[in-house]
Amino acid sequence: MQFNFEIDKLTHSLEDASTGCILFTEVLPLNKADLKVISKKTDWKFNWKTEFIAPEKEVYKLILQNQPEAIQGLICLTIESDHIFMPLIETAPHNFGKTKKYLGVAGNLVAFACKLSFEKGFDGYVSFKAKTKLIPHYSETLGATVLYGQYMEIATSASIKLIKDYFPEYFNK
C-alpha cells in the first residue's frame, strides 16, 4: 500500500479550520466499538476492520479530548525489528478536502508514530511507502528522506521535531 495523504498543516494539535482554535487531542488504540461506528460510515476509504484484525498490526485513533466519540483519523502501525512501519493512515471523511473541519490530523498521527518509535527504543525511526508524486511533499513537510524507490523514512532529528510540535511534554519528562 502507498501513502496518498497530504500534510495540510503542521499544528501543535488539531486546529479548527474555520476558527483557528487549537484543540487538545489524544491518540488511543482503536477498539471493537470504534470499528462498528467506522464500518457504518461508508465515507472511510479503507477497510479498517482488515487492519484491526491483523495480529501483526496496531491501529490507533486520534480523538479530541472534549469529543472522545468522534474519530478524527486513524493510523495502522507495525513494529519491525528496528523501526515503526506505517502501512496505512487516513483522516476522517469530515477532515478531508476543501471543507475539512480540522487541520493537522495526519501530522498528529505521524508524530505519534515517531513518539512510539522512541518508546520502543528505535530512536524515532519510522518508514512508509509513498506515492511517487508525494515524495517531495513528505520530504518538505515531515523531513522524510527516500530510502529506496518509493520507501521513505523519518529519522531521529525529523522525528524529534514532529514530537516537539505535537507532544512537547514527551521530552520534558
N, C-alpha and C. Protein backbone atom coordinates (compact mmCIF):
# COMPACT_ATOMS: atom_id res chain seq x y z
N MET A 1 0.84 -1.17 0.00
CA MET A 1 0.00 0.00 0.00
C MET A 1 0.89 1.24 0.00
N GLN A 2 0.47 2.27 -0.70
CA GLN A 2 1.24 3.50 -0.77
C GLN A 2 0.48 4.63 -0.09
N PHE A 3 1.21 5.49 0.56
CA PHE A 3 0.59 6.64 1.20
C PHE A 3 0.11 7.61 0.14
N ASN A 4 -1.08 8.12 0.37
CA ASN A 4 -1.66 9.10 -0.54
C ASN A 4 -2.40 10.13 0.31
N PHE A 5 -1.71 10.78 1.22
CA PHE A 5 -2.32 11.81 2.04
C PHE A 5 -1.42 13.03 2.00
N GLU A 6 -2.01 14.15 2.24
CA GLU A 6 -1.22 15.37 2.29
C GLU A 6 -1.21 15.89 3.71
N ILE A 7 -0.08 16.39 4.11
CA ILE A 7 0.03 17.06 5.39
C ILE A 7 -0.50 18.47 5.13
N ASP A 8 -1.71 18.74 5.60
CA ASP A 8 -2.33 20.02 5.30
C ASP A 8 -1.65 21.17 6.03
N LYS A 9 -1.26 20.89 7.27
CA LYS A 9 -0.60 21.91 8.07
C LYS A 9 -0.04 21.22 9.30
N LEU A 10 1.19 21.57 9.66
CA LEU A 10 1.72 21.07 10.91
C LEU A 10 1.27 22.04 11.99
N THR A 11 0.51 21.53 12.92
CA THR A 11 -0.03 22.34 14.00
C THR A 11 0.54 21.81 15.30
N HIS A 12 0.13 22.33 16.42
CA HIS A 12 0.60 21.81 17.70
C HIS A 12 -0.43 20.87 18.32
N SER A 13 -1.47 20.60 17.61
CA SER A 13 -2.51 19.67 18.00
C SER A 13 -3.45 19.63 16.79
N LEU A 14 -4.72 19.74 16.99
CA LEU A 14 -5.62 19.95 15.86
C LEU A 14 -6.06 21.40 15.88
N GLU A 15 -6.26 21.93 14.69
CA GLU A 15 -6.69 23.31 14.56
C GLU A 15 -8.04 23.33 13.85
N ASP A 16 -8.99 24.02 14.45
CA ASP A 16 -10.30 24.18 13.82
C ASP A 16 -10.10 24.99 12.55
N ALA A 17 -10.45 24.44 11.42
CA ALA A 17 -10.19 25.08 10.12
C ALA A 17 -10.93 26.40 9.97
N SER A 18 -12.07 26.55 10.61
CA SER A 18 -12.85 27.78 10.44
C SER A 18 -12.49 28.87 11.44
N THR A 19 -12.04 28.49 12.65
CA THR A 19 -11.76 29.49 13.67
C THR A 19 -10.29 29.67 13.99
N GLY A 20 -9.47 28.66 13.67
CA GLY A 20 -8.06 28.70 14.02
C GLY A 20 -7.78 28.28 15.46
N CYS A 21 -8.82 27.92 16.20
CA CYS A 21 -8.64 27.48 17.59
C CYS A 21 -7.89 26.16 17.64
N ILE A 22 -6.98 26.05 18.59
CA ILE A 22 -6.22 24.82 18.81
C ILE A 22 -6.99 23.96 19.81
N LEU A 23 -7.13 22.67 19.47
CA LEU A 23 -7.89 21.74 20.30
C LEU A 23 -6.97 20.61 20.76
N PHE A 24 -7.18 20.14 21.96
CA PHE A 24 -6.33 19.09 22.52
C PHE A 24 -6.80 17.71 22.09
N THR A 25 -5.83 16.86 21.81
CA THR A 25 -6.11 15.54 21.26
C THR A 25 -5.49 14.43 22.10
N GLU A 26 -5.92 13.22 21.79
CA GLU A 26 -5.31 12.01 22.33
C GLU A 26 -5.25 10.99 21.21
N VAL A 27 -4.24 10.14 21.27
CA VAL A 27 -4.14 9.01 20.35
C VAL A 27 -4.28 7.77 21.21
N LEU A 28 -5.28 6.95 20.88
CA LEU A 28 -5.60 5.76 21.66
C LEU A 28 -5.74 4.55 20.74
N PRO A 29 -5.58 3.35 21.29
CA PRO A 29 -5.82 2.16 20.47
C PRO A 29 -7.28 2.11 20.00
N LEU A 30 -7.48 1.71 18.77
CA LEU A 30 -8.82 1.51 18.25
C LEU A 30 -9.41 0.28 18.94
N ASN A 31 -10.71 0.31 19.24
CA ASN A 31 -11.35 -0.85 19.85
C ASN A 31 -12.52 -1.33 19.00
N LYS A 32 -13.10 -2.45 19.37
CA LYS A 32 -14.18 -3.06 18.59
C LYS A 32 -15.39 -2.13 18.46
N ALA A 33 -15.72 -1.41 19.51
CA ALA A 33 -16.86 -0.49 19.44
C ALA A 33 -16.60 0.61 18.41
N ASP A 34 -15.36 1.10 18.35
CA ASP A 34 -14.99 2.11 17.35
C ASP A 34 -15.16 1.55 15.95
N LEU A 35 -14.76 0.31 15.80
CA LEU A 35 -14.82 -0.36 14.50
C LEU A 35 -16.26 -0.42 13.97
N LYS A 36 -17.19 -0.65 14.87
CA LYS A 36 -18.61 -0.70 14.47
C LYS A 36 -19.07 0.65 13.95
N VAL A 37 -18.64 1.72 14.59
CA VAL A 37 -19.02 3.07 14.16
C VAL A 37 -18.40 3.38 12.80
N ILE A 38 -17.13 3.04 12.64
CA ILE A 38 -16.43 3.32 11.37
C ILE A 38 -17.05 2.53 10.23
N SER A 39 -17.37 1.27 10.47
CA SER A 39 -17.90 0.43 9.38
C SER A 39 -19.28 0.87 8.93
N LYS A 40 -20.00 1.58 9.79
CA LYS A 40 -21.32 2.10 9.40
C LYS A 40 -21.20 3.32 8.48
N LYS A 41 -20.05 3.96 8.53
CA LYS A 41 -19.82 5.15 7.71
C LYS A 41 -19.06 4.71 6.46
N THR A 42 -19.67 4.85 5.33
CA THR A 42 -19.06 4.38 4.10
C THR A 42 -18.07 5.38 3.50
N ASP A 43 -17.92 6.53 4.12
CA ASP A 43 -17.02 7.55 3.58
C ASP A 43 -15.55 7.27 3.86
N TRP A 44 -15.25 6.36 4.78
CA TRP A 44 -13.86 6.00 5.00
C TRP A 44 -13.37 5.26 3.77
N LYS A 45 -12.17 5.57 3.33
CA LYS A 45 -11.64 4.99 2.08
C LYS A 45 -11.11 3.57 2.25
N PHE A 46 -10.67 3.23 3.47
CA PHE A 46 -10.04 1.94 3.68
C PHE A 46 -10.88 1.06 4.60
N ASN A 47 -10.68 -0.24 4.46
CA ASN A 47 -11.37 -1.20 5.31
C ASN A 47 -10.53 -1.38 6.58
N TRP A 48 -10.87 -0.65 7.62
CA TRP A 48 -10.09 -0.67 8.85
C TRP A 48 -10.28 -1.95 9.64
N LYS A 49 -11.34 -2.68 9.38
CA LYS A 49 -11.53 -3.96 10.06
C LYS A 49 -10.40 -4.92 9.68
N THR A 50 -10.01 -4.91 8.41
CA THR A 50 -8.91 -5.76 7.95
C THR A 50 -7.62 -5.44 8.72
N GLU A 51 -7.35 -4.16 8.91
CA GLU A 51 -6.15 -3.76 9.64
C GLU A 51 -6.27 -4.13 11.12
N PHE A 52 -7.45 -3.92 11.67
CA PHE A 52 -7.70 -4.15 13.10
C PHE A 52 -7.51 -5.62 13.48
N ILE A 53 -7.96 -6.52 12.63
CA ILE A 53 -7.90 -7.95 13.00
C ILE A 53 -6.56 -8.59 12.66
N ALA A 54 -5.71 -7.91 11.92
CA ALA A 54 -4.39 -8.46 11.58
C ALA A 54 -3.52 -8.48 12.84
N PRO A 55 -3.05 -9.65 13.26
CA PRO A 55 -2.32 -9.74 14.53
C PRO A 55 -1.00 -8.97 14.57
N GLU A 56 -0.40 -8.74 13.43
CA GLU A 56 0.89 -8.04 13.41
C GLU A 56 0.73 -6.52 13.34
N LYS A 57 -0.52 -6.04 13.29
CA LYS A 57 -0.74 -4.60 13.14
C LYS A 57 -1.40 -4.02 14.38
N GLU A 58 -1.08 -2.76 14.63
CA GLU A 58 -1.70 -1.99 15.71
C GLU A 58 -2.40 -0.80 15.07
N VAL A 59 -3.66 -0.58 15.43
CA VAL A 59 -4.43 0.53 14.87
C VAL A 59 -4.76 1.51 15.99
N TYR A 60 -4.51 2.78 15.73
CA TYR A 60 -4.76 3.83 16.70
C TYR A 60 -5.70 4.88 16.11
N LYS A 61 -6.45 5.52 17.00
CA LYS A 61 -7.39 6.58 16.60
C LYS A 61 -6.95 7.90 17.22
N LEU A 62 -7.21 8.96 16.50
CA LEU A 62 -6.98 10.31 17.00
C LEU A 62 -8.33 10.89 17.38
N ILE A 63 -8.45 11.35 18.61
CA ILE A 63 -9.70 11.95 19.07
C ILE A 63 -9.42 13.30 19.71
N LEU A 64 -10.44 14.11 19.80
CA LEU A 64 -10.37 15.34 20.57
C LEU A 64 -10.68 14.99 22.02
N GLN A 65 -9.99 15.60 22.96
CA GLN A 65 -10.23 15.30 24.37
C GLN A 65 -11.67 15.62 24.78
N ASN A 66 -12.25 16.66 24.20
CA ASN A 66 -13.62 17.03 24.58
C ASN A 66 -14.69 16.36 23.71
N GLN A 67 -14.28 15.53 22.74
CA GLN A 67 -15.21 14.78 21.88
C GLN A 67 -14.65 13.38 21.63
N PRO A 68 -14.52 12.56 22.67
CA PRO A 68 -13.85 11.26 22.50
C PRO A 68 -14.59 10.28 21.59
N GLU A 69 -15.84 10.52 21.34
CA GLU A 69 -16.62 9.60 20.50
C GLU A 69 -16.39 9.84 19.00
N ALA A 70 -15.85 10.97 18.64
CA ALA A 70 -15.65 11.31 17.22
C ALA A 70 -14.20 11.05 16.82
N ILE A 71 -13.99 10.10 15.93
CA ILE A 71 -12.64 9.78 15.47
C ILE A 71 -12.22 10.78 14.39
N GLN A 72 -11.06 11.38 14.57
CA GLN A 72 -10.56 12.39 13.63
C GLN A 72 -9.62 11.81 12.58
N GLY A 73 -9.04 10.66 12.88
CA GLY A 73 -8.13 10.00 11.96
C GLY A 73 -7.68 8.67 12.52
N LEU A 74 -7.14 7.83 11.65
CA LEU A 74 -6.67 6.50 12.03
C LEU A 74 -5.30 6.24 11.44
N ILE A 75 -4.51 5.45 12.16
CA ILE A 75 -3.20 5.04 11.67
C ILE A 75 -2.98 3.58 12.03
N CYS A 76 -2.39 2.86 11.09
CA CYS A 76 -2.03 1.47 11.28
C CYS A 76 -0.51 1.40 11.33
N LEU A 77 0.02 0.68 12.32
CA LEU A 77 1.47 0.57 12.50
C LEU A 77 1.88 -0.88 12.67
N THR A 78 3.08 -1.19 12.22
CA THR A 78 3.69 -2.47 12.55
C THR A 78 5.02 -2.19 13.23
N ILE A 79 5.31 -3.02 14.20
CA ILE A 79 6.56 -2.89 14.95
C ILE A 79 7.57 -3.82 14.30
N GLU A 80 8.55 -3.24 13.65
CA GLU A 80 9.59 -4.02 12.98
C GLU A 80 10.75 -4.23 13.97
N SER A 81 11.81 -4.85 13.52
CA SER A 81 12.92 -5.14 14.44
C SER A 81 13.69 -3.89 14.86
N ASP A 82 13.67 -2.83 14.03
CA ASP A 82 14.45 -1.64 14.36
C ASP A 82 13.75 -0.33 14.05
N HIS A 83 12.47 -0.38 13.73
CA HIS A 83 11.72 0.85 13.43
C HIS A 83 10.22 0.56 13.43
N ILE A 84 9.45 1.61 13.28
CA ILE A 84 8.00 1.52 13.11
C ILE A 84 7.70 1.69 11.63
N PHE A 85 6.86 0.83 11.09
CA PHE A 85 6.41 0.97 9.71
C PHE A 85 4.95 1.39 9.72
N MET A 86 4.61 2.38 8.87
CA MET A 86 3.23 2.88 8.77
C MET A 86 2.62 2.37 7.47
N PRO A 87 1.87 1.26 7.50
CA PRO A 87 1.26 0.79 6.27
C PRO A 87 0.06 1.62 5.82
N LEU A 88 -0.60 2.30 6.77
CA LEU A 88 -1.83 2.99 6.41
C LEU A 88 -2.13 4.12 7.37
N ILE A 89 -2.62 5.21 6.82
CA ILE A 89 -3.06 6.35 7.61
C ILE A 89 -4.22 7.00 6.85
N GLU A 90 -5.20 7.49 7.60
CA GLU A 90 -6.35 8.13 6.95
C GLU A 90 -6.97 9.16 7.88
N THR A 91 -7.28 10.31 7.33
CA THR A 91 -8.04 11.30 8.08
C THR A 91 -9.51 10.95 7.95
N ALA A 92 -10.29 11.30 8.94
CA ALA A 92 -11.73 11.05 8.90
C ALA A 92 -12.33 11.81 7.72
N PRO A 93 -13.42 11.29 7.16
CA PRO A 93 -14.02 11.95 6.00
C PRO A 93 -14.33 13.44 6.21
N HIS A 94 -14.68 13.82 7.43
CA HIS A 94 -15.00 15.23 7.69
C HIS A 94 -13.74 16.11 7.79
N ASN A 95 -12.57 15.49 7.75
CA ASN A 95 -11.30 16.23 7.79
C ASN A 95 -10.55 16.14 6.47
N PHE A 96 -11.26 15.86 5.41
CA PHE A 96 -10.64 15.66 4.11
C PHE A 96 -11.20 16.67 3.12
N GLY A 97 -10.35 17.16 2.25
CA GLY A 97 -10.79 18.06 1.18
C GLY A 97 -10.90 19.52 1.62
N LYS A 98 -11.51 20.29 0.76
CA LYS A 98 -11.58 21.74 0.98
C LYS A 98 -12.50 22.13 2.13
N THR A 99 -13.42 21.26 2.51
CA THR A 99 -14.36 21.58 3.59
C THR A 99 -13.98 20.92 4.91
N LYS A 100 -12.72 20.52 5.05
CA LYS A 100 -12.30 19.81 6.27
C LYS A 100 -12.58 20.63 7.51
N LYS A 101 -12.90 19.91 8.57
CA LYS A 101 -13.22 20.56 9.84
C LYS A 101 -11.97 20.91 10.63
N TYR A 102 -10.99 19.98 10.64
CA TYR A 102 -9.78 20.20 11.42
C TYR A 102 -8.53 20.02 10.57
N LEU A 103 -7.52 20.83 10.88
CA LEU A 103 -6.21 20.74 10.25
C LEU A 103 -5.26 20.03 11.21
N GLY A 104 -4.27 19.35 10.65
CA GLY A 104 -3.23 18.75 11.47
C GLY A 104 -3.43 17.29 11.83
N VAL A 105 -4.46 16.65 11.28
CA VAL A 105 -4.74 15.25 11.63
C VAL A 105 -3.58 14.34 11.25
N ALA A 106 -3.18 14.37 9.99
CA ALA A 106 -2.12 13.47 9.53
C ALA A 106 -0.80 13.75 10.26
N GLY A 107 -0.46 15.01 10.43
CA GLY A 107 0.76 15.35 11.15
C GLY A 107 0.75 14.83 12.57
N ASN A 108 -0.39 14.92 13.22
CA ASN A 108 -0.54 14.43 14.58
C ASN A 108 -0.31 12.92 14.65
N LEU A 109 -0.90 12.19 13.71
CA LEU A 109 -0.75 10.73 13.70
C LEU A 109 0.68 10.30 13.37
N VAL A 110 1.33 10.98 12.44
CA VAL A 110 2.72 10.65 12.12
C VAL A 110 3.62 10.95 13.32
N ALA A 111 3.37 12.07 13.98
CA ALA A 111 4.15 12.41 15.18
C ALA A 111 3.97 11.34 16.26
N PHE A 112 2.77 10.79 16.37
CA PHE A 112 2.53 9.71 17.32
C PHE A 112 3.39 8.49 16.96
N ALA A 113 3.45 8.15 15.68
CA ALA A 113 4.29 7.02 15.25
C ALA A 113 5.75 7.27 15.61
N CYS A 114 6.20 8.50 15.45
CA CYS A 114 7.58 8.85 15.81
C CYS A 114 7.80 8.69 17.32
N LYS A 115 6.85 9.15 18.09
CA LYS A 115 6.93 9.02 19.56
C LYS A 115 6.97 7.55 19.97
N LEU A 116 6.12 6.75 19.35
CA LEU A 116 6.10 5.32 19.65
C LEU A 116 7.44 4.67 19.30
N SER A 117 8.06 5.13 18.23
CA SER A 117 9.36 4.61 17.84
C SER A 117 10.40 4.87 18.93
N PHE A 118 10.37 6.06 19.52
CA PHE A 118 11.29 6.34 20.64
C PHE A 118 10.96 5.43 21.83
N GLU A 119 9.67 5.28 22.12
CA GLU A 119 9.26 4.45 23.26
C GLU A 119 9.69 3.00 23.08
N LYS A 120 9.76 2.53 21.84
CA LYS A 120 10.16 1.15 21.55
C LYS A 120 11.68 1.00 21.44
N GLY A 121 12.41 2.11 21.58
CA GLY A 121 13.86 2.06 21.52
C GLY A 121 14.44 2.15 20.12
N PHE A 122 13.66 2.69 19.16
CA PHE A 122 14.10 2.77 17.76
C PHE A 122 14.61 4.15 17.37
N ASP A 123 14.86 5.02 18.32
CA ASP A 123 15.42 6.36 18.08
C ASP A 123 14.58 7.20 17.13
N GLY A 124 13.29 6.96 17.07
CA GLY A 124 12.40 7.79 16.25
C GLY A 124 12.26 7.34 14.81
N TYR A 125 12.90 6.26 14.42
CA TYR A 125 12.85 5.82 13.02
C TYR A 125 11.48 5.26 12.66
N VAL A 126 10.92 5.83 11.58
CA VAL A 126 9.61 5.44 11.06
C VAL A 126 9.75 5.37 9.54
N SER A 127 9.14 4.35 8.94
CA SER A 127 9.19 4.26 7.48
C SER A 127 7.79 4.07 6.90
N PHE A 128 7.66 4.34 5.61
CA PHE A 128 6.40 4.18 4.89
C PHE A 128 6.68 4.18 3.40
N LYS A 129 5.69 3.75 2.64
CA LYS A 129 5.80 3.76 1.18
C LYS A 129 4.93 4.89 0.65
N ALA A 130 5.52 5.78 -0.13
CA ALA A 130 4.83 6.97 -0.62
C ALA A 130 4.51 6.84 -2.11
N LYS A 131 3.44 7.48 -2.52
CA LYS A 131 3.20 7.62 -3.95
C LYS A 131 4.28 8.55 -4.48
N THR A 132 4.78 8.25 -5.66
CA THR A 132 5.91 8.98 -6.23
C THR A 132 5.68 10.49 -6.23
N LYS A 133 4.50 10.93 -6.63
CA LYS A 133 4.26 12.37 -6.74
C LYS A 133 4.24 13.07 -5.38
N LEU A 134 4.09 12.32 -4.28
CA LEU A 134 4.05 12.94 -2.96
C LEU A 134 5.39 12.90 -2.22
N ILE A 135 6.39 12.27 -2.80
CA ILE A 135 7.70 12.20 -2.14
C ILE A 135 8.24 13.59 -1.80
N PRO A 136 8.23 14.56 -2.72
CA PRO A 136 8.72 15.90 -2.35
C PRO A 136 7.90 16.53 -1.22
N HIS A 137 6.60 16.29 -1.22
CA HIS A 137 5.73 16.84 -0.16
C HIS A 137 6.12 16.28 1.20
N TYR A 138 6.33 14.97 1.29
CA TYR A 138 6.71 14.35 2.57
C TYR A 138 8.11 14.77 3.00
N SER A 139 8.99 15.00 2.05
CA SER A 139 10.32 15.50 2.38
C SER A 139 10.23 16.88 3.00
N GLU A 140 9.42 17.71 2.39
CA GLU A 140 9.30 19.10 2.85
C GLU A 140 8.54 19.20 4.17
N THR A 141 7.42 18.51 4.31
CA THR A 141 6.59 18.69 5.49
C THR A 141 7.01 17.84 6.68
N LEU A 142 7.47 16.62 6.44
CA LEU A 142 7.81 15.70 7.52
C LEU A 142 9.31 15.56 7.76
N GLY A 143 10.10 16.06 6.83
CA GLY A 143 11.54 15.86 6.92
C GLY A 143 11.93 14.43 6.55
N ALA A 144 11.06 13.74 5.83
CA ALA A 144 11.32 12.35 5.43
C ALA A 144 12.34 12.32 4.29
N THR A 145 13.10 11.24 4.23
CA THR A 145 14.08 11.04 3.16
C THR A 145 13.79 9.72 2.46
N VAL A 146 14.20 9.64 1.21
CA VAL A 146 13.99 8.42 0.43
C VAL A 146 15.01 7.38 0.86
N LEU A 147 14.52 6.20 1.19
CA LEU A 147 15.39 5.06 1.48
C LEU A 147 15.80 4.39 0.18
N TYR A 148 14.78 4.01 -0.60
CA TYR A 148 14.96 3.43 -1.93
C TYR A 148 13.59 3.41 -2.59
N GLY A 149 13.57 3.59 -3.89
CA GLY A 149 12.31 3.59 -4.63
C GLY A 149 11.32 4.56 -4.01
N GLN A 150 10.18 4.04 -3.60
CA GLN A 150 9.13 4.86 -3.00
C GLN A 150 9.10 4.76 -1.48
N TYR A 151 10.04 4.01 -0.92
CA TYR A 151 10.10 3.89 0.54
C TYR A 151 10.84 5.07 1.14
N MET A 152 10.24 5.63 2.17
CA MET A 152 10.81 6.80 2.83
C MET A 152 10.96 6.51 4.31
N GLU A 153 11.84 7.29 4.95
CA GLU A 153 11.99 7.17 6.39
C GLU A 153 11.98 8.55 7.04
N ILE A 154 11.54 8.53 8.26
CA ILE A 154 11.65 9.70 9.12
C ILE A 154 12.70 9.31 10.15
N ALA A 155 13.83 9.98 10.14
CA ALA A 155 14.94 9.64 11.03
C ALA A 155 14.83 10.44 12.33
N THR A 156 15.79 10.23 13.20
CA THR A 156 15.76 10.78 14.55
C THR A 156 15.48 12.28 14.61
N SER A 157 16.25 13.08 13.89
CA SER A 157 16.11 14.54 14.02
C SER A 157 14.74 15.02 13.53
N ALA A 158 14.24 14.45 12.44
CA ALA A 158 12.91 14.83 11.95
C ALA A 158 11.83 14.35 12.92
N SER A 159 12.02 13.17 13.50
CA SER A 159 11.06 12.66 14.49
C SER A 159 10.99 13.58 15.71
N ILE A 160 12.15 14.00 16.18
CA ILE A 160 12.18 14.89 17.34
C ILE A 160 11.40 16.17 17.06
N LYS A 161 11.61 16.73 15.88
CA LYS A 161 10.88 17.96 15.52
C LYS A 161 9.37 17.73 15.54
N LEU A 162 8.90 16.64 14.95
CA LEU A 162 7.46 16.36 14.93
C LEU A 162 6.93 16.12 16.34
N ILE A 163 7.66 15.39 17.14
CA ILE A 163 7.22 15.12 18.51
C ILE A 163 7.15 16.41 19.31
N LYS A 164 8.15 17.27 19.15
CA LYS A 164 8.13 18.55 19.88
C LYS A 164 6.94 19.41 19.46
N ASP A 165 6.53 19.30 18.20
CA ASP A 165 5.36 20.06 17.74
C ASP A 165 4.07 19.52 18.34
N TYR A 166 3.90 18.21 18.37
CA TYR A 166 2.62 17.62 18.76
C TYR A 166 2.58 17.08 20.19
N PHE A 167 3.72 16.64 20.69
CA PHE A 167 3.77 16.05 22.03
C PHE A 167 4.95 16.66 22.81
N PRO A 168 4.93 17.97 23.01
CA PRO A 168 6.08 18.65 23.63
C PRO A 168 6.40 18.12 25.02
N GLU A 169 5.40 17.62 25.71
CA GLU A 169 5.62 17.10 27.05
C GLU A 169 6.49 15.83 27.05
N TYR A 170 6.59 15.16 25.92
CA TYR A 170 7.32 13.90 25.85
C TYR A 170 8.79 14.07 26.23
N PHE A 171 9.40 15.13 25.78
CA PHE A 171 10.82 15.35 26.06
C PHE A 171 11.03 16.14 27.36
N ASN A 172 9.95 16.52 28.01
CA ASN A 172 10.05 17.26 29.27
C ASN A 172 9.73 16.39 30.48
N LYS A 173 9.86 15.07 30.31
CA LYS A 173 9.55 14.16 31.44
C LYS A 173 10.61 14.23 32.49
